[in-house]
Amino acid sequence: FKLGRGGDAVYLFRPDRPLVIESQSPDP
């Protein structure tokens, strides 16, 4: 995927289920 010019967010998840956010960028 690409990041949109208008600003997207990026999330890194642990491989656990349910998904747990490990790190998150500002949104957008």
mmCIF file of all heavy atoms, coordinates in Angstrom:
data_MODEL
# 
_entry.id   MODEL 
# 
loop_
_atom_site.group_PDB 
_atom_site.id 
_atom_site.type_symbol 
_atom_site.label_atom_id 
_atom_site.label_alt_id 
_atom_site.label_comp_id 
_atom_site.label_asym_id 
_atom_site.label_entity_id 
_atom_site.label_seq_id 
_atom_site.pdbx_PDB_ins_code 
_atom_site.Cartn_x 
_atom_site.Cartn_y 
_atom_site.Cartn_z 
_atom_site.occupancy 
_atom_site.B_iso_or_equiv 
_atom_site.pdbx_formal_charge 
_atom_site.auth_seq_id 
_atom_site.auth_comp_id 
_atom_site.auth_asym_id 
_atom_site.auth_atom_id 
_atom_site.pdbx_PDB_model_num 
ATOM 1   N N   . PHE A 1 1  ? 0.848  -1.194  0.000  1.00 0.00 ? 1  PHE A N   1 
ATOM 2   C CA  . PHE A 1 1  ? 0.000  0.000   0.000  1.00 0.00 ? 1  PHE A CA  1 
ATOM 3   C C   . PHE A 1 1  ? 0.883  1.244   0.000  1.00 0.00 ? 1  PHE A C   1 
ATOM 4   O O   . PHE A 1 1  ? 2.064  1.182   0.312  1.00 0.00 ? 1  PHE A O   1 
ATOM 5   C CB  . PHE A 1 1  ? -0.937 0.015   1.218  1.00 0.00 ? 1  PHE A CB  1 
ATOM 6   C CG  . PHE A 1 1  ? -0.219 0.067   2.532  1.00 0.00 ? 1  PHE A CG  1 
ATOM 7   C CD1 . PHE A 1 1  ? 0.108  1.282   3.131  1.00 0.00 ? 1  PHE A CD1 1 
ATOM 8   C CD2 . PHE A 1 1  ? 0.147  -1.103  3.181  1.00 0.00 ? 1  PHE A CD2 1 
ATOM 9   C CE1 . PHE A 1 1  ? 0.783  1.333   4.345  1.00 0.00 ? 1  PHE A CE1 1 
ATOM 10  C CE2 . PHE A 1 1  ? 0.815  -1.063  4.402  1.00 0.00 ? 1  PHE A CE2 1 
ATOM 11  C CZ  . PHE A 1 1  ? 1.135  0.154   4.976  1.00 0.00 ? 1  PHE A CZ  1 
ATOM 12  N N   . LYS A 1 2  ? 0.278  2.352   -0.367 1.00 0.00 ? 2  LYS A N   1 
ATOM 13  C CA  . LYS A 1 2  ? 0.952  3.655   -0.334 1.00 0.00 ? 2  LYS A CA  1 
ATOM 14  C C   . LYS A 1 2  ? 0.248  4.522   0.696  1.00 0.00 ? 2  LYS A C   1 
ATOM 15  O O   . LYS A 1 2  ? -0.915 4.289   1.013  1.00 0.00 ? 2  LYS A O   1 
ATOM 16  C CB  . LYS A 1 2  ? 0.874  4.347   -1.698 1.00 0.00 ? 2  LYS A CB  1 
ATOM 17  C CG  . LYS A 1 2  ? 1.621  3.644   -2.798 1.00 0.00 ? 2  LYS A CG  1 
ATOM 18  C CD  . LYS A 1 2  ? 1.474  4.416   -4.096 1.00 0.00 ? 2  LYS A CD  1 
ATOM 19  C CE  . LYS A 1 2  ? 2.224  3.730   -5.222 1.00 0.00 ? 2  LYS A CE  1 
ATOM 20  N NZ  . LYS A 1 2  ? 2.142  4.495   -6.467 1.00 0.00 ? 2  LYS A NZ  1 
ATOM 21  N N   . LEU A 1 3  ? 0.952  5.527   1.182  1.00 0.00 ? 3  LEU A N   1 
ATOM 22  C CA  . LEU A 1 3  ? 0.341  6.494   2.075  1.00 0.00 ? 3  LEU A CA  1 
ATOM 23  C C   . LEU A 1 3  ? -0.214 7.635   1.237  1.00 0.00 ? 3  LEU A C   1 
ATOM 24  O O   . LEU A 1 3  ? 0.449  8.116   0.324  1.00 0.00 ? 3  LEU A O   1 
ATOM 25  C CB  . LEU A 1 3  ? 1.359  7.024   3.085  1.00 0.00 ? 3  LEU A CB  1 
ATOM 26  C CG  . LEU A 1 3  ? 1.941  5.971   4.022  1.00 0.00 ? 3  LEU A CG  1 
ATOM 27  C CD1 . LEU A 1 3  ? 2.993  6.593   4.930  1.00 0.00 ? 3  LEU A CD1 1 
ATOM 28  C CD2 . LEU A 1 3  ? 0.846  5.317   4.843  1.00 0.00 ? 3  LEU A CD2 1 
ATOM 29  N N   . GLY A 1 4  ? -1.420 8.058   1.553  1.00 0.00 ? 4  GLY A N   1 
ATOM 30  C CA  . GLY A 1 4  ? -2.054 9.141   0.818  1.00 0.00 ? 4  GLY A CA  1 
ATOM 31  C C   . GLY A 1 4  ? -1.384 10.479  1.085  1.00 0.00 ? 4  GLY A C   1 
ATOM 32  O O   . GLY A 1 4  ? -0.865 10.728  2.170  1.00 0.00 ? 4  GLY A O   1 
ATOM 33  N N   . ARG A 1 5  ? -1.400 11.337  0.100  1.00 0.00 ? 5  ARG A N   1 
ATOM 34  C CA  . ARG A 1 5  ? -0.805 12.663  0.228  1.00 0.00 ? 5  ARG A CA  1 
ATOM 35  C C   . ARG A 1 5  ? -1.516 13.496  1.286  1.00 0.00 ? 5  ARG A C   1 
ATOM 36  O O   . ARG A 1 5  ? -0.933 14.329  1.930  1.00 0.00 ? 5  ARG A O   1 
ATOM 37  C CB  . ARG A 1 5  ? -0.847 13.359  -1.118 1.00 0.00 ? 5  ARG A CB  1 
ATOM 38  C CG  . ARG A 1 5  ? 0.162  14.425  -1.244 1.00 0.00 ? 5  ARG A CG  1 
ATOM 39  C CD  . ARG A 1 5  ? 0.270  14.908  -2.673 1.00 0.00 ? 5  ARG A CD  1 
ATOM 40  N NE  . ARG A 1 5  ? 0.910  16.182  -2.681 1.00 0.00 ? 5  ARG A NE  1 
ATOM 41  C CZ  . ARG A 1 5  ? 2.217  16.347  -2.569 1.00 0.00 ? 5  ARG A CZ  1 
ATOM 42  N NH1 . ARG A 1 5  ? 2.996  15.308  -2.480 1.00 0.00 ? 5  ARG A NH1 1 
ATOM 43  N NH2 . ARG A 1 5  ? 2.735  17.543  -2.563 1.00 0.00 ? 5  ARG A NH2 1 
ATOM 44  N N   . GLY A 1 6  ? -2.800 13.270  1.450  1.00 0.00 ? 6  GLY A N   1 
ATOM 45  C CA  . GLY A 1 6  ? -3.577 14.014  2.431  1.00 0.00 ? 6  GLY A CA  1 
ATOM 46  C C   . GLY A 1 6  ? -3.346 13.552  3.854  1.00 0.00 ? 6  GLY A C   1 
ATOM 47  O O   . GLY A 1 6  ? -3.839 14.160  4.791  1.00 0.00 ? 6  GLY A O   1 
ATOM 48  N N   . GLY A 1 7  ? -2.615 12.487  4.030  1.00 0.00 ? 7  GLY A N   1 
ATOM 49  C CA  . GLY A 1 7  ? -2.296 12.015  5.370  1.00 0.00 ? 7  GLY A CA  1 
ATOM 50  C C   . GLY A 1 7  ? -3.084 10.790  5.760  1.00 0.00 ? 7  GLY A C   1 
ATOM 51  O O   . GLY A 1 7  ? -4.305 10.836  5.870  1.00 0.00 ? 7  GLY A O   1 
ATOM 52  N N   . ASP A 1 8  ? -2.413 9.701   5.933  1.00 0.00 ? 8  ASP A N   1 
ATOM 53  C CA  . ASP A 1 8  ? -2.997 8.463   6.434  1.00 0.00 ? 8  ASP A CA  1 
ATOM 54  C C   . ASP A 1 8  ? -2.350 8.173   7.776  1.00 0.00 ? 8  ASP A C   1 
ATOM 55  O O   . ASP A 1 8  ? -1.364 8.798   8.146  1.00 0.00 ? 8  ASP A O   1 
ATOM 56  C CB  . ASP A 1 8  ? -2.696 7.293   5.485  1.00 0.00 ? 8  ASP A CB  1 
ATOM 57  C CG  . ASP A 1 8  ? -3.472 7.367   4.188  1.00 0.00 ? 8  ASP A CG  1 
ATOM 58  O OD1 . ASP A 1 8  ? -4.630 7.837   4.226  1.00 0.00 ? 8  ASP A OD1 1 
ATOM 59  O OD2 . ASP A 1 8  ? -2.945 6.954   3.143  1.00 0.00 ? 8  ASP A OD2 1 
ATOM 60  N N   . ALA A 1 9  ? -2.880 7.222   8.486  1.00 0.00 ? 9  ALA A N   1 
ATOM 61  C CA  . ALA A 1 9  ? -2.266 6.778   9.734  1.00 0.00 ? 9  ALA A CA  1 
ATOM 62  C C   . ALA A 1 9  ? -1.576 5.440   9.488  1.00 0.00 ? 9  ALA A C   1 
ATOM 63  O O   . ALA A 1 9  ? -1.939 4.704   8.583  1.00 0.00 ? 9  ALA A O   1 
ATOM 64  C CB  . ALA A 1 9  ? -3.318 6.634   10.827 1.00 0.00 ? 9  ALA A CB  1 
ATOM 65  N N   . VAL A 1 10 ? -0.586 5.142   10.296 1.00 0.00 ? 10 VAL A N   1 
ATOM 66  C CA  . VAL A 1 10 ? 0.114  3.866   10.237 1.00 0.00 ? 10 VAL A CA  1 
ATOM 67  C C   . VAL A 1 10 ? 0.014  3.221   11.611 1.00 0.00 ? 10 VAL A C   1 
ATOM 68  O O   . VAL A 1 10 ? 0.265  3.866   12.630 1.00 0.00 ? 10 VAL A O   1 
ATOM 69  C CB  . VAL A 1 10 ? 1.606  4.052   9.852  1.00 0.00 ? 10 VAL A CB  1 
ATOM 70  C CG1 . VAL A 1 10 ? 2.337  2.724   9.895  1.00 0.00 ? 10 VAL A CG1 1 
ATOM 71  C CG2 . VAL A 1 10 ? 1.727  4.689   8.476  1.00 0.00 ? 10 VAL A CG2 1 
ATOM 72  N N   . TYR A 1 11 ? -0.366 1.943   11.638 1.00 0.00 ? 11 TYR A N   1 
ATOM 73  C CA  . TYR A 1 11 ? -0.481 1.192   12.883 1.00 0.00 ? 11 TYR A CA  1 
ATOM 74  C C   . TYR A 1 11 ? 0.408  -0.042  12.785 1.00 0.00 ? 11 TYR A C   1 
ATOM 75  O O   . TYR A 1 11 ? 0.453  -0.692  11.751 1.00 0.00 ? 11 TYR A O   1 
ATOM 76  C CB  . TYR A 1 11 ? -1.919 0.716   13.104 1.00 0.00 ? 11 TYR A CB  1 
ATOM 77  C CG  . TYR A 1 11 ? -2.918 1.830   13.250 1.00 0.00 ? 11 TYR A CG  1 
ATOM 78  C CD1 . TYR A 1 11 ? -3.489 2.434   12.143 1.00 0.00 ? 11 TYR A CD1 1 
ATOM 79  C CD2 . TYR A 1 11 ? -3.302 2.273   14.511 1.00 0.00 ? 11 TYR A CD2 1 
ATOM 80  C CE1 . TYR A 1 11 ? -4.412 3.454   12.276 1.00 0.00 ? 11 TYR A CE1 1 
ATOM 81  C CE2 . TYR A 1 11 ? -4.224 3.286   14.658 1.00 0.00 ? 11 TYR A CE2 1 
ATOM 82  C CZ  . TYR A 1 11 ? -4.778 3.876   13.532 1.00 0.00 ? 11 TYR A CZ  1 
ATOM 83  O OH  . TYR A 1 11 ? -5.687 4.884   13.682 1.00 0.00 ? 11 TYR A OH  1 
ATOM 84  N N   . LEU A 1 12 ? 1.086  -0.351  13.849 1.00 0.00 ? 12 LEU A N   1 
ATOM 85  C CA  . LEU A 1 12 ? 1.815  -1.616  13.948 1.00 0.00 ? 12 LEU A CA  1 
ATOM 86  C C   . LEU A 1 12 ? 1.101  -2.445  15.006 1.00 0.00 ? 12 LEU A C   1 
ATOM 87  O O   . LEU A 1 12 ? 0.870  -1.977  16.124 1.00 0.00 ? 12 LEU A O   1 
ATOM 88  C CB  . LEU A 1 12 ? 3.272  -1.376  14.358 1.00 0.00 ? 12 LEU A CB  1 
ATOM 89  C CG  . LEU A 1 12 ? 4.132  -0.620  13.350 1.00 0.00 ? 12 LEU A CG  1 
ATOM 90  C CD1 . LEU A 1 12 ? 5.536  -0.406  13.924 1.00 0.00 ? 12 LEU A CD1 1 
ATOM 91  C CD2 . LEU A 1 12 ? 4.209  -1.357  12.028 1.00 0.00 ? 12 LEU A CD2 1 
ATOM 92  N N   . PHE A 1 13 ? 0.752  -3.673  14.632 1.00 0.00 ? 13 PHE A N   1 
ATOM 93  C CA  . PHE A 1 13 ? 0.031  -4.557  15.540 1.00 0.00 ? 13 PHE A CA  1 
ATOM 94  C C   . PHE A 1 13 ? 0.920  -5.720  15.944 1.00 0.00 ? 13 PHE A C   1 
ATOM 95  O O   . PHE A 1 13 ? 1.743  -6.193  15.158 1.00 0.00 ? 13 PHE A O   1 
ATOM 96  C CB  . PHE A 1 13 ? -1.220 -5.133  14.852 1.00 0.00 ? 13 PHE A CB  1 
ATOM 97  C CG  . PHE A 1 13 ? -2.268 -4.112  14.534 1.00 0.00 ? 13 PHE A CG  1 
ATOM 98  C CD1 . PHE A 1 13 ? -2.312 -3.501  13.298 1.00 0.00 ? 13 PHE A CD1 1 
ATOM 99  C CD2 . PHE A 1 13 ? -3.218 -3.777  15.486 1.00 0.00 ? 13 PHE A CD2 1 
ATOM 100 C CE1 . PHE A 1 13 ? -3.280 -2.558  13.006 1.00 0.00 ? 13 PHE A CE1 1 
ATOM 101 C CE2 . PHE A 1 13 ? -4.200 -2.845  15.204 1.00 0.00 ? 13 PHE A CE2 1 
ATOM 102 C CZ  . PHE A 1 13 ? -4.232 -2.230  13.962 1.00 0.00 ? 13 PHE A CZ  1 
ATOM 103 N N   . ARG A 1 14 ? 0.710  -6.192  17.145 1.00 0.00 ? 14 ARG A N   1 
ATOM 104 C CA  . ARG A 1 14 ? 1.323  -7.453  17.562 1.00 0.00 ? 14 ARG A CA  1 
ATOM 105 C C   . ARG A 1 14 ? 0.598  -8.574  16.821 1.00 0.00 ? 14 ARG A C   1 
ATOM 106 O O   . ARG A 1 14 ? -0.542 -8.401  16.399 1.00 0.00 ? 14 ARG A O   1 
ATOM 107 C CB  . ARG A 1 14 ? 1.147  -7.636  19.066 1.00 0.00 ? 14 ARG A CB  1 
ATOM 108 C CG  . ARG A 1 14 ? 1.905  -6.630  19.878 1.00 0.00 ? 14 ARG A CG  1 
ATOM 109 C CD  . ARG A 1 14 ? 1.681  -6.880  21.343 1.00 0.00 ? 14 ARG A CD  1 
ATOM 110 N NE  . ARG A 1 14 ? 2.330  -5.818  22.095 1.00 0.00 ? 14 ARG A NE  1 
ATOM 111 C CZ  . ARG A 1 14 ? 2.253  -5.701  23.394 1.00 0.00 ? 14 ARG A CZ  1 
ATOM 112 N NH1 . ARG A 1 14 ? 1.568  -6.555  24.105 1.00 0.00 ? 14 ARG A NH1 1 
ATOM 113 N NH2 . ARG A 1 14 ? 2.874  -4.714  23.995 1.00 0.00 ? 14 ARG A NH2 1 
ATOM 114 N N   . PRO A 1 15 ? 1.234  -9.726  16.689 1.00 0.00 ? 15 PRO A N   1 
ATOM 115 C CA  . PRO A 1 15 ? 0.576  -10.809 15.951 1.00 0.00 ? 15 PRO A CA  1 
ATOM 116 C C   . PRO A 1 15 ? -0.532 -11.504 16.744 1.00 0.00 ? 15 PRO A C   1 
ATOM 117 O O   . PRO A 1 15 ? -1.129 -12.459 16.269 1.00 0.00 ? 15 PRO A O   1 
ATOM 118 C CB  . PRO A 1 15 ? 1.729  -11.768 15.645 1.00 0.00 ? 15 PRO A CB  1 
ATOM 119 C CG  . PRO A 1 15 ? 2.717  -11.513 16.715 1.00 0.00 ? 15 PRO A CG  1 
ATOM 120 C CD  . PRO A 1 15 ? 2.590  -10.050 17.067 1.00 0.00 ? 15 PRO A CD  1 
ATOM 121 N N   . ASP A 1 16 ? -0.818 -11.029 17.961 1.00 0.00 ? 16 ASP A N   1 
ATOM 122 C CA  . ASP A 1 16 ? -1.837 -11.656 18.810 1.00 0.00 ? 16 ASP A CA  1 
ATOM 123 C C   . ASP A 1 16 ? -3.236 -11.550 18.204 1.00 0.00 ? 16 ASP A C   1 
ATOM 124 O O   . ASP A 1 16 ? -3.509 -10.738 17.343 1.00 0.00 ? 16 ASP A O   1 
ATOM 125 C CB  . ASP A 1 16 ? -1.878 -10.976 20.192 1.00 0.00 ? 16 ASP A CB  1 
ATOM 126 C CG  . ASP A 1 16 ? -0.513 -10.833 20.832 1.00 0.00 ? 16 ASP A CG  1 
ATOM 127 O OD1 . ASP A 1 16 ? 0.377  -11.627 20.488 1.00 0.00 ? 16 ASP A OD1 1 
ATOM 128 O OD2 . ASP A 1 16 ? -0.338 -9.913  21.650 1.00 0.00 ? 16 ASP A OD2 1 
ATOM 129 N N   . ARG A 1 17 ? -4.097 -12.361 18.704 1.00 0.00 ? 17 ARG A N   1 
ATOM 130 C CA  . ARG A 1 17 ? -5.526 -12.256 18.399 1.00 0.00 ? 17 ARG A CA  1 
ATOM 131 C C   . ARG A 1 17 ? -6.232 -12.104 19.726 1.00 0.00 ? 17 ARG A C   1 
ATOM 132 O O   . ARG A 1 17 ? -5.981 -12.883 20.626 1.00 0.00 ? 17 ARG A O   1 
ATOM 133 C CB  . ARG A 1 17 ? -6.027 -13.516 17.686 1.00 0.00 ? 17 ARG A CB  1 
ATOM 134 C CG  . ARG A 1 17 ? -5.549 -13.603 16.284 1.00 0.00 ? 17 ARG A CG  1 
ATOM 135 C CD  . ARG A 1 17 ? -6.687 -13.236 15.402 1.00 0.00 ? 17 ARG A CD  1 
ATOM 136 N NE  . ARG A 1 17 ? -6.286 -13.380 14.016 1.00 0.00 ? 17 ARG A NE  1 
ATOM 137 C CZ  . ARG A 1 17 ? -6.808 -12.649 13.073 1.00 0.00 ? 17 ARG A CZ  1 
ATOM 138 N NH1 . ARG A 1 17 ? -7.699 -11.751 13.348 1.00 0.00 ? 17 ARG A NH1 1 
ATOM 139 N NH2 . ARG A 1 17 ? -6.445 -12.822 11.851 1.00 0.00 ? 17 ARG A NH2 1 
ATOM 140 N N   . PRO A 1 18 ? -7.093 -11.184 19.971 1.00 0.00 ? 18 PRO A N   1 
ATOM 141 C CA  . PRO A 1 18 ? -7.433 -10.116 19.040 1.00 0.00 ? 18 PRO A CA  1 
ATOM 142 C C   . PRO A 1 18 ? -6.233 -9.176  18.842 1.00 0.00 ? 18 PRO A C   1 
ATOM 143 O O   . PRO A 1 18 ? -5.309 -9.152  19.650 1.00 0.00 ? 18 PRO A O   1 
ATOM 144 C CB  . PRO A 1 18 ? -8.596 -9.387  19.721 1.00 0.00 ? 18 PRO A CB  1 
ATOM 145 C CG  . PRO A 1 18 ? -8.405 -9.655  21.165 1.00 0.00 ? 18 PRO A CG  1 
ATOM 146 C CD  . PRO A 1 18 ? -7.762 -11.013 21.258 1.00 0.00 ? 18 PRO A CD  1 
ATOM 147 N N   . LEU A 1 19 ? -6.309 -8.391  17.782 1.00 0.00 ? 19 LEU A N   1 
ATOM 148 C CA  . LEU A 1 19 ? -5.207 -7.497  17.443 1.00 0.00 ? 19 LEU A CA  1 
ATOM 149 C C   . LEU A 1 19 ? -4.983 -6.468  18.549 1.00 0.00 ? 19 LEU A C   1 
ATOM 150 O O   . LEU A 1 19 ? -5.922 -5.895  19.083 1.00 0.00 ? 19 LEU A O   1 
ATOM 151 C CB  . LEU A 1 19 ? -5.486 -6.771  16.126 1.00 0.00 ? 19 LEU A CB  1 
ATOM 152 C CG  . LEU A 1 19 ? -5.531 -7.658  14.883 1.00 0.00 ? 19 LEU A CG  1 
ATOM 153 C CD1 . LEU A 1 19 ? -5.907 -6.839  13.664 1.00 0.00 ? 19 LEU A CD1 1 
ATOM 154 C CD2 . LEU A 1 19 ? -4.216 -8.360  14.663 1.00 0.00 ? 19 LEU A CD2 1 
ATOM 155 N N   . VAL A 1 20 ? -3.704 -6.256  18.878 1.00 0.00 ? 20 VAL A N   1 
ATOM 156 C CA  . VAL A 1 20 ? -3.307 -5.283  19.888 1.00 0.00 ? 20 VAL A CA  1 
ATOM 157 C C   . VAL A 1 20 ? -2.365 -4.289  19.220 1.00 0.00 ? 20 VAL A C   1 
ATOM 158 O O   . VAL A 1 20 ? -1.377 -4.685  18.602 1.00 0.00 ? 20 VAL A O   1 
ATOM 159 C CB  . VAL A 1 20 ? -2.581 -5.964  21.076 1.00 0.00 ? 20 VAL A CB  1 
ATOM 160 C CG1 . VAL A 1 20 ? -2.080 -4.941  22.069 1.00 0.00 ? 20 VAL A CG1 1 
ATOM 161 C CG2 . VAL A 1 20 ? -3.495 -6.975  21.738 1.00 0.00 ? 20 VAL A CG2 1 
ATOM 162 N N   . ILE A 1 21 ? -2.686 -2.990  19.324 1.00 0.00 ? 21 ILE A N   1 
ATOM 163 C CA  . ILE A 1 21 ? -1.840 -1.972  18.710 1.00 0.00 ? 21 ILE A CA  1 
ATOM 164 C C   . ILE A 1 21 ? -0.538 -1.864  19.484 1.00 0.00 ? 21 ILE A C   1 
ATOM 165 O O   . ILE A 1 21 ? -0.540 -1.641  20.690 1.00 0.00 ? 21 ILE A O   1 
ATOM 166 C CB  . ILE A 1 21 ? -2.548 -0.602  18.680 1.00 0.00 ? 21 ILE A CB  1 
ATOM 167 C CG1 . ILE A 1 21 ? -3.778 -0.674  17.784 1.00 0.00 ? 21 ILE A CG1 1 
ATOM 168 C CG2 . ILE A 1 21 ? -1.592 0.485   18.181 1.00 0.00 ? 21 ILE A CG2 1 
ATOM 169 C CD1 . ILE A 1 21 ? -4.624 0.594   17.814 1.00 0.00 ? 21 ILE A CD1 1 
ATOM 170 N N   . GLU A 1 22 ? 0.572  -2.039  18.786 1.00 0.00 ? 22 GLU A N   1 
ATOM 171 C CA  . GLU A 1 22 ? 1.899  -1.895  19.374 1.00 0.00 ? 22 GLU A CA  1 
ATOM 172 C C   . GLU A 1 22 ? 2.374  -0.453  19.265 1.00 0.00 ? 22 GLU A C   1 
ATOM 173 O O   . GLU A 1 22 ? 2.976  0.091   20.168 1.00 0.00 ? 22 GLU A O   1 
ATOM 174 C CB  . GLU A 1 22 ? 2.888  -2.829  18.659 1.00 0.00 ? 22 GLU A CB  1 
ATOM 175 C CG  . GLU A 1 22 ? 4.305  -2.748  19.161 1.00 0.00 ? 22 GLU A CG  1 
ATOM 176 C CD  . GLU A 1 22 ? 4.487  -3.279  20.565 1.00 0.00 ? 22 GLU A CD  1 
ATOM 177 O OE1 . GLU A 1 22 ? 3.688  -4.130  20.998 1.00 0.00 ? 22 GLU A OE1 1 
ATOM 178 O OE2 . GLU A 1 22 ? 5.425  -2.835  21.237 1.00 0.00 ? 22 GLU A OE2 1 
ATOM 179 N N   . SER A 1 23 ? 2.104  0.171   18.132 1.00 0.00 ? 23 SER A N   1 
ATOM 180 C CA  . SER A 1 23 ? 2.537  1.540   17.888 1.00 0.00 ? 23 SER A CA  1 
ATOM 181 C C   . SER A 1 23 ? 1.598  2.162   16.872 1.00 0.00 ? 23 SER A C   1 
ATOM 182 O O   . SER A 1 23 ? 1.060  1.466   16.017 1.00 0.00 ? 23 SER A O   1 
ATOM 183 C CB  . SER A 1 23 ? 3.973  1.552   17.363 1.00 0.00 ? 23 SER A CB  1 
ATOM 184 O OG  . SER A 1 23 ? 4.425  2.867   17.170 1.00 0.00 ? 23 SER A OG  1 
ATOM 185 N N   . GLN A 1 24 ? 1.422  3.475   16.969 1.00 0.00 ? 24 GLN A N   1 
ATOM 186 C CA  . GLN A 1 24 ? 0.491  4.157   16.089 1.00 0.00 ? 24 GLN A CA  1 
ATOM 187 C C   . GLN A 1 24 ? 1.019  5.544   15.780 1.00 0.00 ? 24 GLN A C   1 
ATOM 188 O O   . GLN A 1 24 ? 1.506  6.240   16.659 1.00 0.00 ? 24 GLN A O   1 
ATOM 189 C CB  . GLN A 1 24 ? -0.861 4.222   16.789 1.00 0.00 ? 24 GLN A CB  1 
ATOM 190 C CG  . GLN A 1 24 ? -1.829 5.182   16.224 1.00 0.00 ? 24 GLN A CG  1 
ATOM 191 C CD  . GLN A 1 24 ? -3.110 5.231   17.041 1.00 0.00 ? 24 GLN A CD  1 
ATOM 192 O OE1 . GLN A 1 24 ? -3.334 4.436   17.938 1.00 0.00 ? 24 GLN A OE1 1 
ATOM 193 N NE2 . GLN A 1 24 ? -3.946 6.183   16.720 1.00 0.00 ? 24 GLN A NE2 1 
ATOM 194 N N   . SER A 1 25 ? 0.913  5.937   14.529 1.00 0.00 ? 25 SER A N   1 
ATOM 195 C CA  . SER A 1 25 ? 1.302  7.288   14.127 1.00 0.00 ? 25 SER A CA  1 
ATOM 196 C C   . SER A 1 25 ? 0.142  8.234   14.403 1.00 0.00 ? 25 SER A C   1 
ATOM 197 O O   . SER A 1 25 ? -0.982 7.796   14.652 1.00 0.00 ? 25 SER A O   1 
ATOM 198 C CB  . SER A 1 25 ? 1.626  7.310   12.630 1.00 0.00 ? 25 SER A CB  1 
ATOM 199 O OG  . SER A 1 25 ? 0.432  7.174   11.875 1.00 0.00 ? 25 SER A OG  1 
ATOM 200 N N   . PRO A 1 26 ? 0.397  9.535   14.337 1.00 0.00 ? 26 PRO A N   1 
ATOM 201 C CA  . PRO A 1 26 ? -0.728 10.472  14.405 1.00 0.00 ? 26 PRO A CA  1 
ATOM 202 C C   . PRO A 1 26 ? -1.684 10.199  13.249 1.00 0.00 ? 26 PRO A C   1 
ATOM 203 O O   . PRO A 1 26 ? -1.280 9.731   12.192 1.00 0.00 ? 26 PRO A O   1 
ATOM 204 C CB  . PRO A 1 26 ? -0.064 11.840  14.241 1.00 0.00 ? 26 PRO A CB  1 
ATOM 205 C CG  . PRO A 1 26 ? 1.352  11.634  14.641 1.00 0.00 ? 26 PRO A CG  1 
ATOM 206 C CD  . PRO A 1 26 ? 1.678  10.223  14.247 1.00 0.00 ? 26 PRO A CD  1 
ATOM 207 N N   . ASP A 1 27 ? -2.947 10.470  13.452 1.00 0.00 ? 27 ASP A N   1 
ATOM 208 C CA  . ASP A 1 27 ? -3.966 10.241  12.433 1.00 0.00 ? 27 ASP A CA  1 
ATOM 209 C C   . ASP A 1 27 ? -4.687 11.549  12.158 1.00 0.00 ? 27 ASP A C   1 
ATOM 210 O O   . ASP A 1 27 ? -5.374 12.041  13.030 1.00 0.00 ? 27 ASP A O   1 
ATOM 211 C CB  . ASP A 1 27 ? -4.943 9.180   12.903 1.00 0.00 ? 27 ASP A CB  1 
ATOM 212 C CG  . ASP A 1 27 ? -5.943 8.780   11.831 1.00 0.00 ? 27 ASP A CG  1 
ATOM 213 O OD1 . ASP A 1 27 ? -5.801 9.234   10.683 1.00 0.00 ? 27 ASP A OD1 1 
ATOM 214 O OD2 . ASP A 1 27 ? -6.867 8.017   12.145 1.00 0.00 ? 27 ASP A OD2 1 
ATOM 215 N N   . PRO A 1 28 ? -4.483 12.150  11.001 1.00 0.00 ? 28 PRO A N   1 
ATOM 216 C CA  . PRO A 1 28 ? -3.674 11.666  9.892  1.00 0.00 ? 28 PRO A CA  1 
ATOM 217 C C   . PRO A 1 28 ? -2.217 12.075  10.055 1.00 0.00 ? 28 PRO A C   1 
ATOM 218 O O   . PRO A 1 28 ? -1.909 13.004  10.809 1.00 0.00 ? 28 PRO A O   1 
ATOM 219 C CB  . PRO A 1 28 ? -4.284 12.385  8.694  1.00 0.00 ? 28 PRO A CB  1 
ATOM 220 C CG  . PRO A 1 28 ? -4.747 13.691  9.250  1.00 0.00 ? 28 PRO A CG  1 
ATOM 221 C CD  . PRO A 1 28 ? -5.217 13.375  10.653 1.00 0.00 ? 28 PRO A CD  1 
# 
